[in-house]
C-alpha atoms as a PDB file:
ATOM      1  CA  UNK A   1      63.696  90.624 -11.786  1.00  0.00           C
ATOM      2  CA  UNK A   2      60.511  88.593 -11.301  1.00  0.00           C
ATOM      3  CA  UNK A   3      56.823  89.406 -10.867  1.00  0.00           C
ATOM      4  CA  UNK A   4      53.685  87.331 -10.535  1.00  0.00           C
ATOM      5  CA  UNK A   5      52.837  88.176 -14.155  1.00  0.00           C
ATOM      6  CA  UNK A   6      56.095  86.610 -15.449  1.00  0.00           C
ATOM      7  CA  UNK A   7      56.436  83.712 -13.005  1.00  0.00           C
ATOM      8  CA  UNK A   8      55.672  80.061 -13.694  1.00  0.00           C
ATOM      9  CA  UNK A   9      52.004  79.587 -12.736  1.00  0.00           C
ATOM     10  CA  UNK A  10      50.145  76.520 -11.484  1.00  0.00           C
ATOM     11  CA  UNK A  11      46.758  75.776  -9.934  1.00  0.00           C
ATOM     12  CA  UNK A  12      46.058  73.631  -6.912  1.00  0.00           C
ATOM     13  CA  UNK A  13      43.145  72.568  -4.732  1.00  0.00           C
ATOM     14  CA  UNK A  14      39.818  74.214  -5.482  1.00  0.00           C
ATOM     15  CA  UNK A  15      40.617  77.223  -7.723  1.00  0.00           C
ATOM     16  CA  UNK A  16      43.823  78.239  -5.901  1.00  0.00           C
ATOM     17  CA  UNK A  17      46.814  79.712  -7.753  1.00  0.00           C
ATOM     18  CA  UNK A  18      50.550  79.606  -7.227  1.00  0.00           C
ATOM     19  CA  UNK A  19      53.431  81.476  -8.881  1.00  0.00           C
ATOM     20  CA  UNK A  20      57.057  80.330  -8.535  1.00  0.00           C
ATOM     21  CA  UNK A  21      59.021  83.511  -7.767  1.00  0.00           C
ATOM     22  CA  UNK A  22      62.190  81.572  -6.829  1.00  0.00           C
ATOM     23  CA  UNK A  23      62.584  77.913  -7.771  1.00  0.00           C
ATOM     24  CA  UNK A  24      66.078  76.795  -6.777  1.00  0.00           C
ATOM     25  CA  UNK A  25      67.428  73.484  -5.363  1.00  0.00           C
ATOM     26  CA  UNK A  26      67.827  74.965  -1.861  1.00  0.00           C
ATOM     27  CA  UNK A  27      65.102  77.646  -1.783  1.00  0.00           C
ATOM     28  CA  UNK A  28      61.530  78.058  -2.988  1.00  0.00           C
ATOM     29  CA  UNK A  29      59.464  81.252  -2.834  1.00  0.00           C
ATOM     30  CA  UNK A  30      55.904  80.946  -4.067  1.00  0.00           C
ATOM     31  CA  UNK A  31      53.157  83.562  -4.139  1.00  0.00           C
ATOM     32  CA  UNK A  32      49.768  81.924  -3.673  1.00  0.00           C
ATOM     33  CA  UNK A  33      46.142  83.035  -3.921  1.00  0.00           C
ATOM     34  CA  UNK A  34      43.278  81.292  -2.156  1.00  0.00           C
ATOM     35  CA  UNK A  35      39.660  82.274  -2.830  1.00  0.00           C
ATOM     36  CA  UNK A  36      37.180  82.496   0.061  1.00  0.00           C
ATOM     37  CA  UNK A  37      36.227  79.173   1.621  1.00  0.00           C
ATOM     38  CA  UNK A  38      39.226  77.209   0.326  1.00  0.00           C
ATOM     39  CA  UNK A  39      41.889  75.268   2.203  1.00  0.00           C
ATOM     40  CA  UNK A  40      44.839  73.034   1.591  1.00  0.00           C
ATOM     41  CA  UNK A  41      45.115  69.486   2.897  1.00  0.00           C
ATOM     42  CA  UNK A  42      46.517  69.172   6.424  1.00  0.00           C
ATOM     43  CA  UNK A  43      50.083  67.926   6.048  1.00  0.00           C
ATOM     44  CA  UNK A  44      53.669  68.135   7.234  1.00  0.00           C
ATOM     45  CA  UNK A  45      57.105  68.151   5.622  1.00  0.00           C
ATOM     46  CA  UNK A  46      59.880  65.756   6.594  1.00  0.00           C
ATOM     47  CA  UNK A  47      62.782  68.142   5.861  1.00  0.00           C
ATOM     48  CA  UNK A  48      61.351  71.474   4.754  1.00  0.00           C
ATOM     49  CA  UNK A  49      60.875  74.473   7.037  1.00  0.00           C
ATOM     50  CA  UNK A  50      58.454  77.109   5.796  1.00  0.00           C
ATOM     51  CA  UNK A  51      57.572  80.737   6.394  1.00  0.00           C
ATOM     52  CA  UNK A  52      54.097  81.977   5.434  1.00  0.00           C
ATOM     53  CA  UNK A  53      53.669  85.744   4.948  1.00  0.00           C
ATOM     54  CA  UNK A  54      50.278  87.302   4.130  1.00  0.00           C
ATOM     55  CA  UNK A  55      50.388  90.001   1.463  1.00  0.00           C
ATOM     56  CA  UNK A  56      46.646  90.779   1.418  1.00  0.00           C
ATOM     57  CA  UNK A  57      43.531  89.448   3.069  1.00  0.00           C
ATOM     58  CA  UNK A  58      43.228  87.300   6.192  1.00  0.00           C
ATOM     59  CA  UNK A  59      44.375  83.683   6.449  1.00  0.00           C
ATOM     60  CA  UNK A  60      43.970  81.052   9.124  1.00  0.00           C
ATOM     61  CA  UNK A  61      46.949  78.760   9.543  1.00  0.00           C
ATOM     62  CA  UNK A  62      46.406  75.718  11.720  1.00  0.00           C
ATOM     63  CA  UNK A  63      49.764  74.655  13.186  1.00  0.00           C
ATOM     64  CA  UNK A  64      49.928  71.505  15.331  1.00  0.00           C
ATOM     65  CA  UNK A  65      46.287  71.912  16.349  1.00  0.00           C
ATOM     66  CA  UNK A  66      46.511  75.653  17.145  1.00  0.00           C
ATOM     67  CA  UNK A  67      44.870  78.184  14.821  1.00  0.00           C
ATOM     68  CA  UNK A  68      46.725  81.406  14.006  1.00  0.00           C
ATOM     69  CA  UNK A  69      44.864  84.212  12.226  1.00  0.00           C
ATOM     70  CA  UNK A  70      47.257  86.123   9.985  1.00  0.00           C
ATOM     71  CA  UNK A  71      46.396  89.544   8.614  1.00  0.00           C
ATOM     72  CA  UNK A  72      48.120  91.493   5.857  1.00  0.00           C
ATOM     73  CA  UNK A  73      51.851  91.983   6.581  1.00  0.00           C
ATOM     74  CA  UNK A  74      51.965  89.197   9.204  1.00  0.00           C
ATOM     75  CA  UNK A  75      53.776  85.878   8.974  1.00  0.00           C
ATOM     76  CA  UNK A  76      54.627  82.722  10.850  1.00  0.00           C
ATOM     77  CA  UNK A  77      57.291  80.015  10.615  1.00  0.00           C
ATOM     78  CA  UNK A  78      56.415  76.315  10.459  1.00  0.00           C
ATOM     79  CA  UNK A  79      59.300  73.945  11.298  1.00  0.00           C
ATOM     80  CA  UNK A  80      59.763  70.580   9.578  1.00  0.00           C
ATOM     81  CA  UNK A  81      57.640  67.694  10.925  1.00  0.00           C
ATOM     82  CA  UNK A  82      54.927  70.044  12.279  1.00  0.00           C
ATOM     83  CA  UNK A  83      51.412  69.392  10.891  1.00  0.00           C
ATOM     84  CA  UNK A  84      49.806  72.472   9.332  1.00  0.00           C
ATOM     85  CA  UNK A  85      46.996  73.626   7.061  1.00  0.00           C
ATOM     86  CA  UNK A  86      46.319  76.985   5.380  1.00  0.00           C
ATOM     87  CA  UNK A  87      42.635  77.970   5.347  1.00  0.00           C
ATOM     88  CA  UNK A  88      40.796  80.984   3.947  1.00  0.00           C
ATOM     89  CA  UNK A  89      37.758  81.431   6.192  1.00  0.00           C
ATOM     90  CA  UNK A  90      37.303  85.050   5.113  1.00  0.00           C
ATOM     91  CA  UNK A  91      35.050  86.468   2.408  1.00  0.00           C
ATOM     92  CA  UNK A  92      37.950  87.814   0.306  1.00  0.00           C
ATOM     93  CA  UNK A  93      40.885  86.304  -1.543  1.00  0.00           C
ATOM     94  CA  UNK A  94      44.028  85.896   0.510  1.00  0.00           C
ATOM     95  CA  UNK A  95      47.444  86.285  -1.149  1.00  0.00           C
ATOM     96  CA  UNK A  96      50.565  85.144   0.636  1.00  0.00           C
ATOM     97  CA  UNK A  97      54.158  84.071   0.188  1.00  0.00           C
ATOM     98  CA  UNK A  98      55.359  80.572   1.078  1.00  0.00           C
ATOM     99  CA  UNK A  99      59.118  80.486   1.577  1.00  0.00           C
ATOM    100  CA  UNK A 100      60.458  76.936   1.824  1.00  0.00           C
ATOM    101  CA  UNK A 101      63.967  75.762   2.624  1.00  0.00           C
ATOM    102  CA  UNK A 102      64.696  73.287   1.168  1.00  0.00           C
ATOM    103  CA  UNK A 103      61.844  73.343  -1.386  1.00  0.00           C
ATOM    104  CA  UNK A 104      58.721  71.513  -0.228  1.00  0.00           C
ATOM    105  CA  UNK A 105      57.863  69.648  -3.433  1.00  0.00           C
ATOM    106  CA  UNK A 106      58.244  65.909  -2.913  1.00  0.00           C
ATOM    107  CA  UNK A 107      58.581  66.414   0.861  1.00  0.00           C
ATOM    108  CA  UNK A 108      54.888  66.664   1.751  1.00  0.00           C
ATOM    109  CA  UNK A 109      53.084  63.996   3.784  1.00  0.00           C
ATOM    110  CA  UNK A 110      49.273  64.348   3.795  1.00  0.00           C
ATOM    111  CA  UNK A 111      47.395  63.754   7.037  1.00  0.00           C
ATOM    112  CA  UNK A 112      44.052  62.173   6.283  1.00  0.00           C
ATOM    113  CA  UNK A 113      42.627  62.081   9.802  1.00  0.00           C
ATOM    114  CA  UNK A 114      42.793  64.681  12.550  1.00  0.00           C
END
């Protein structure tokens, strides 16, 4: 059994948190928290497909130039090679799951201009 309180924790970006719920060679499940006004760097993955699922709050996920607003209990899949960026434009924390197959670490290519 695993919970956020027991999981391996890390920080990223500007005050964002991540917890490894599943960290296996073929599957990664991470719970993340983004404070208001934060975002990740626009990027894509060469091999990894991902599914983002919002647990609480409202997130904006830009996928290949199109913005999707995700509310609590909504999710979206992002195939490999598709540029994307998670953004919290709301005034509350957003918590979400990122399910990656295979794991995304080491497979991320940052996009510096868009």
